[in-house]
Amino acid sequence: MIIPARFLTGCVQWARNDASNTIWQAEYAKCKERGYLHFPPDVVRDVEVDYHDRYVSCEKNKKICLDGHRYESWPTLRTLHSDNNKDACNAIIKSCMSAKD
């Protein structure tokens, strides 16, 4: 059984049996426009710091370096982007598509 890819995304399901893919795409574009007009993207950027252990070789001694190596905590920075209006925009799109059934 083959399931169209648009139904796997979980965003919008449309039940009209008489609609072709072209009609569906046109209707979806109209609903998407309506969603973005009501809730334009509000992108927020955030920086996340993650620490991981890094292997460092060192000169063996009894106090600092017992085995000839040690692990040091090393920071990694990641920039995260999120859209504060994404859920509201998707709700408008889904509602619009449901109304077209």
N, C-alpha and C. Protein backbone atom coordinates (compact mmCIF):
# COMPACT_ATOMS: atom_id res chain seq x y z
N MET A 1 0.84 -1.18 0.00
CA MET A 1 0.00 0.00 0.00
C MET A 1 0.89 1.24 0.00
N ILE A 2 0.62 2.15 -0.89
CA ILE A 2 1.42 3.36 -1.01
C ILE A 2 0.64 4.52 -0.39
N ILE A 3 1.31 5.24 0.49
CA ILE A 3 0.70 6.39 1.15
C ILE A 3 1.38 7.65 0.61
N PRO A 4 0.63 8.62 0.13
CA PRO A 4 1.25 9.85 -0.37
C PRO A 4 2.09 10.53 0.70
N ALA A 5 3.19 11.11 0.30
CA ALA A 5 4.15 11.72 1.23
C ALA A 5 3.52 12.85 2.04
N ARG A 6 2.58 13.57 1.47
CA ARG A 6 2.00 14.69 2.22
C ARG A 6 1.22 14.22 3.44
N PHE A 7 0.73 12.98 3.43
CA PHE A 7 0.01 12.48 4.59
C PHE A 7 0.96 12.01 5.69
N LEU A 8 2.20 11.73 5.33
CA LEU A 8 3.17 11.30 6.33
C LEU A 8 3.72 12.46 7.14
N THR A 9 3.61 13.68 6.63
CA THR A 9 4.17 14.82 7.33
C THR A 9 3.38 15.17 8.59
N GLY A 10 2.13 14.80 8.66
CA GLY A 10 1.33 15.06 9.85
C GLY A 10 0.79 16.48 9.90
N CYS A 11 1.11 17.32 8.94
CA CYS A 11 0.68 18.71 8.99
C CYS A 11 -0.79 18.86 8.58
N VAL A 12 -1.09 18.41 7.40
CA VAL A 12 -2.43 18.62 6.86
C VAL A 12 -2.88 17.36 6.14
N GLN A 13 -4.10 16.93 6.43
CA GLN A 13 -4.69 15.83 5.68
C GLN A 13 -5.97 16.35 5.06
N TRP A 14 -6.16 16.02 3.81
CA TRP A 14 -7.32 16.52 3.08
C TRP A 14 -8.08 15.33 2.54
N ALA A 15 -9.37 15.28 2.77
CA ALA A 15 -10.15 14.08 2.48
C ALA A 15 -10.91 14.13 1.16
N ARG A 16 -10.81 15.21 0.40
CA ARG A 16 -11.56 15.28 -0.85
C ARG A 16 -11.06 14.26 -1.84
N ASN A 17 -11.94 13.36 -2.26
CA ASN A 17 -11.55 12.30 -3.19
C ASN A 17 -11.46 12.78 -4.63
N ASP A 18 -12.19 13.84 -4.98
CA ASP A 18 -12.22 14.29 -6.37
C ASP A 18 -11.11 15.28 -6.71
N ALA A 19 -10.23 15.57 -5.78
CA ALA A 19 -9.20 16.59 -6.01
C ALA A 19 -7.90 15.96 -6.50
N SER A 20 -7.33 16.57 -7.52
CA SER A 20 -6.03 16.11 -8.02
C SER A 20 -4.93 16.75 -7.16
N ASN A 21 -3.71 16.29 -7.36
CA ASN A 21 -2.58 16.83 -6.62
C ASN A 21 -2.39 18.32 -6.92
N THR A 22 -2.66 18.73 -8.14
CA THR A 22 -2.52 20.14 -8.52
C THR A 22 -3.53 21.00 -7.78
N ILE A 23 -4.77 20.52 -7.69
CA ILE A 23 -5.80 21.26 -6.95
C ILE A 23 -5.43 21.33 -5.48
N TRP A 24 -4.97 20.22 -4.93
CA TRP A 24 -4.57 20.19 -3.51
C TRP A 24 -3.47 21.20 -3.26
N GLN A 25 -2.46 21.24 -4.13
CA GLN A 25 -1.35 22.18 -3.95
C GLN A 25 -1.81 23.63 -4.04
N ALA A 26 -2.74 23.91 -4.94
CA ALA A 26 -3.27 25.28 -5.07
C ALA A 26 -4.03 25.69 -3.82
N GLU A 27 -4.88 24.79 -3.32
CA GLU A 27 -5.65 25.08 -2.12
C GLU A 27 -4.73 25.22 -0.90
N TYR A 28 -3.73 24.36 -0.83
CA TYR A 28 -2.77 24.41 0.28
C TYR A 28 -2.00 25.73 0.24
N ALA A 29 -1.60 26.19 -0.95
CA ALA A 29 -0.88 27.46 -1.08
C ALA A 29 -1.73 28.63 -0.58
N LYS A 30 -3.04 28.60 -0.89
CA LYS A 30 -3.93 29.66 -0.41
C LYS A 30 -4.04 29.64 1.11
N CYS A 31 -4.17 28.44 1.67
CA CYS A 31 -4.28 28.32 3.12
C CYS A 31 -2.97 28.71 3.81
N LYS A 32 -1.87 28.34 3.18
CA LYS A 32 -0.56 28.69 3.74
C LYS A 32 -0.38 30.21 3.74
N GLU A 33 -0.81 30.86 2.67
CA GLU A 33 -0.74 32.32 2.60
C GLU A 33 -1.56 32.94 3.73
N ARG A 34 -2.76 32.41 3.95
CA ARG A 34 -3.62 32.92 5.01
C ARG A 34 -2.95 32.75 6.38
N GLY A 35 -2.33 31.58 6.58
CA GLY A 35 -1.65 31.34 7.85
C GLY A 35 -0.50 32.31 8.09
N TYR A 36 0.30 32.55 7.05
CA TYR A 36 1.44 33.46 7.20
C TYR A 36 1.01 34.92 7.31
N LEU A 37 -0.15 35.27 6.74
CA LEU A 37 -0.65 36.63 6.91
C LEU A 37 -1.08 36.88 8.35
N HIS A 38 -1.73 35.88 8.96
CA HIS A 38 -2.17 36.02 10.35
C HIS A 38 -1.01 35.87 11.34
N PHE A 39 -0.11 34.96 11.06
CA PHE A 39 1.01 34.69 11.97
C PHE A 39 2.31 34.61 11.18
N PRO A 40 2.90 35.78 10.84
CA PRO A 40 4.17 35.74 10.11
C PRO A 40 5.27 35.11 10.97
N PRO A 41 6.31 34.58 10.34
CA PRO A 41 7.38 33.96 11.11
C PRO A 41 8.00 34.93 12.12
N ASP A 42 8.17 34.47 13.32
CA ASP A 42 8.83 35.23 14.40
C ASP A 42 10.01 34.38 14.85
N VAL A 43 11.11 34.49 14.10
CA VAL A 43 12.26 33.63 14.33
C VAL A 43 13.09 34.17 15.50
N VAL A 44 13.38 33.27 16.42
CA VAL A 44 14.18 33.59 17.59
C VAL A 44 15.47 32.78 17.51
N ARG A 45 16.57 33.46 17.75
CA ARG A 45 17.86 32.79 17.73
C ARG A 45 18.35 32.66 19.17
N ASP A 46 18.87 31.50 19.49
CA ASP A 46 19.38 31.25 20.83
C ASP A 46 20.70 30.49 20.71
N VAL A 47 21.56 30.68 21.67
CA VAL A 47 22.84 29.98 21.68
C VAL A 47 22.83 28.98 22.83
N GLU A 48 23.21 27.77 22.53
CA GLU A 48 23.25 26.71 23.53
C GLU A 48 24.70 26.26 23.71
N VAL A 49 25.10 26.14 24.97
CA VAL A 49 26.45 25.66 25.27
C VAL A 49 26.33 24.22 25.76
N ASP A 50 27.10 23.36 25.13
CA ASP A 50 27.12 21.95 25.51
C ASP A 50 28.57 21.59 25.86
N TYR A 51 28.74 20.84 26.92
CA TYR A 51 30.08 20.44 27.32
C TYR A 51 30.27 18.96 27.07
N HIS A 52 31.43 18.60 26.56
CA HIS A 52 31.77 17.20 26.39
C HIS A 52 33.23 17.00 26.81
N ASP A 53 33.57 15.80 27.14
CA ASP A 53 34.93 15.50 27.57
C ASP A 53 35.84 15.37 26.37
N ARG A 54 37.02 15.95 26.51
CA ARG A 54 38.02 15.87 25.45
C ARG A 54 39.26 15.18 26.02
N TYR A 55 39.77 14.22 25.28
CA TYR A 55 40.96 13.47 25.68
C TYR A 55 42.19 14.35 25.49
N VAL A 56 43.00 14.48 26.56
CA VAL A 56 44.22 15.28 26.51
C VAL A 56 45.36 14.44 27.04
N SER A 57 46.41 14.31 26.23
CA SER A 57 47.57 13.58 26.75
C SER A 57 48.41 14.55 27.58
N CYS A 58 49.08 14.01 28.58
CA CYS A 58 49.86 14.84 29.48
C CYS A 58 51.06 14.04 30.01
N GLU A 59 51.96 14.76 30.60
CA GLU A 59 53.13 14.12 31.17
C GLU A 59 52.73 13.46 32.49
N LYS A 60 53.07 12.21 32.64
CA LYS A 60 52.67 11.44 33.81
C LYS A 60 53.29 12.02 35.09
N ASN A 61 52.45 12.21 36.09
CA ASN A 61 52.92 12.56 37.44
C ASN A 61 51.86 12.11 38.43
N LYS A 62 52.17 12.18 39.69
CA LYS A 62 51.27 11.62 40.70
C LYS A 62 50.09 12.53 41.05
N LYS A 63 50.21 13.83 40.82
CA LYS A 63 49.15 14.73 41.26
C LYS A 63 48.11 15.04 40.17
N ILE A 64 48.56 15.43 39.01
CA ILE A 64 47.63 15.91 37.98
C ILE A 64 47.34 14.86 36.92
N CYS A 65 48.35 14.09 36.54
CA CYS A 65 48.20 13.19 35.41
C CYS A 65 48.69 11.79 35.78
N LEU A 66 47.81 11.00 36.31
CA LEU A 66 48.20 9.67 36.80
C LEU A 66 48.50 8.69 35.67
N ASP A 67 47.73 8.73 34.59
CA ASP A 67 47.82 7.71 33.53
C ASP A 67 48.50 8.18 32.24
N GLY A 68 48.97 9.42 32.19
CA GLY A 68 49.53 9.93 30.95
C GLY A 68 48.48 10.57 30.05
N HIS A 69 47.27 10.63 30.52
CA HIS A 69 46.18 11.32 29.82
C HIS A 69 45.11 11.72 30.83
N ARG A 70 44.29 12.64 30.43
CA ARG A 70 43.16 13.06 31.27
C ARG A 70 42.04 13.56 30.34
N TYR A 71 40.90 13.73 30.90
CA TYR A 71 39.75 14.25 30.15
C TYR A 71 39.42 15.64 30.69
N GLU A 72 39.29 16.56 29.78
CA GLU A 72 38.91 17.92 30.15
C GLU A 72 37.55 18.23 29.56
N SER A 73 36.78 19.00 30.30
CA SER A 73 35.48 19.43 29.80
C SER A 73 35.70 20.52 28.76
N TRP A 74 35.08 20.36 27.59
CA TRP A 74 35.30 21.27 26.47
C TRP A 74 33.96 21.79 25.98
N PRO A 75 33.79 23.12 25.90
CA PRO A 75 32.49 23.66 25.47
C PRO A 75 32.31 23.62 23.95
N THR A 76 31.08 23.41 23.54
CA THR A 76 30.69 23.50 22.14
C THR A 76 29.48 24.43 22.08
N LEU A 77 29.54 25.40 21.18
CA LEU A 77 28.43 26.34 21.02
C LEU A 77 27.59 25.95 19.82
N ARG A 78 26.27 26.01 19.99
CA ARG A 78 25.34 25.75 18.88
C ARG A 78 24.35 26.90 18.81
N THR A 79 24.04 27.32 17.60
CA THR A 79 23.02 28.34 17.41
C THR A 79 21.72 27.64 17.04
N LEU A 80 20.68 27.93 17.78
CA LEU A 80 19.37 27.32 17.55
C LEU A 80 18.41 28.39 17.01
N HIS A 81 17.60 28.02 16.05
CA HIS A 81 16.58 28.91 15.49
C HIS A 81 15.21 28.27 15.70
N SER A 82 14.26 29.08 16.14
CA SER A 82 12.90 28.57 16.27
C SER A 82 11.92 29.68 15.89
N ASP A 83 10.75 29.27 15.44
CA ASP A 83 9.70 30.20 15.04
C ASP A 83 8.61 30.17 16.10
N ASN A 84 8.45 31.29 16.80
CA ASN A 84 7.43 31.36 17.86
C ASN A 84 6.01 31.23 17.32
N ASN A 85 5.79 31.56 16.05
CA ASN A 85 4.45 31.53 15.47
C ASN A 85 4.15 30.26 14.68
N LYS A 86 5.07 29.30 14.66
CA LYS A 86 4.91 28.11 13.83
C LYS A 86 3.63 27.33 14.15
N ASP A 87 3.38 27.06 15.42
CA ASP A 87 2.21 26.27 15.80
C ASP A 87 0.90 26.98 15.44
N ALA A 88 0.84 28.28 15.70
CA ALA A 88 -0.37 29.04 15.39
C ALA A 88 -0.60 29.09 13.87
N CYS A 89 0.47 29.28 13.11
CA CYS A 89 0.36 29.31 11.65
C CYS A 89 -0.11 27.97 11.12
N ASN A 90 0.45 26.87 11.64
CA ASN A 90 0.03 25.52 11.21
C ASN A 90 -1.42 25.25 11.57
N ALA A 91 -1.88 25.79 12.70
CA ALA A 91 -3.29 25.61 13.09
C ALA A 91 -4.22 26.31 12.11
N ILE A 92 -3.84 27.50 11.67
CA ILE A 92 -4.64 28.23 10.67
C ILE A 92 -4.67 27.45 9.36
N ILE A 93 -3.53 26.94 8.92
CA ILE A 93 -3.45 26.18 7.68
C ILE A 93 -4.32 24.92 7.77
N LYS A 94 -4.21 24.21 8.86
CA LYS A 94 -4.99 22.98 9.04
C LYS A 94 -6.49 23.27 9.07
N SER A 95 -6.87 24.33 9.77
CA SER A 95 -8.28 24.72 9.85
C SER A 95 -8.81 25.10 8.47
N CYS A 96 -8.01 25.85 7.74
CA CYS A 96 -8.40 26.27 6.39
C CYS A 96 -8.58 25.06 5.47
N MET A 97 -7.67 24.12 5.52
CA MET A 97 -7.77 22.93 4.67
C MET A 97 -8.97 22.05 5.07
N SER A 98 -9.23 21.98 6.36
CA SER A 98 -10.39 21.20 6.82
C SER A 98 -11.69 21.81 6.34
N ALA A 99 -11.74 23.13 6.27
CA ALA A 99 -12.93 23.81 5.80
C ALA A 99 -13.20 23.58 4.32
N LYS A 100 -12.18 23.19 3.59
CA LYS A 100 -12.32 22.95 2.14
C LYS A 100 -12.77 21.53 1.81
N ASP A 101 -12.91 20.67 2.81
CA ASP A 101 -13.36 19.28 2.57
C ASP A 101 -14.74 19.24 1.94
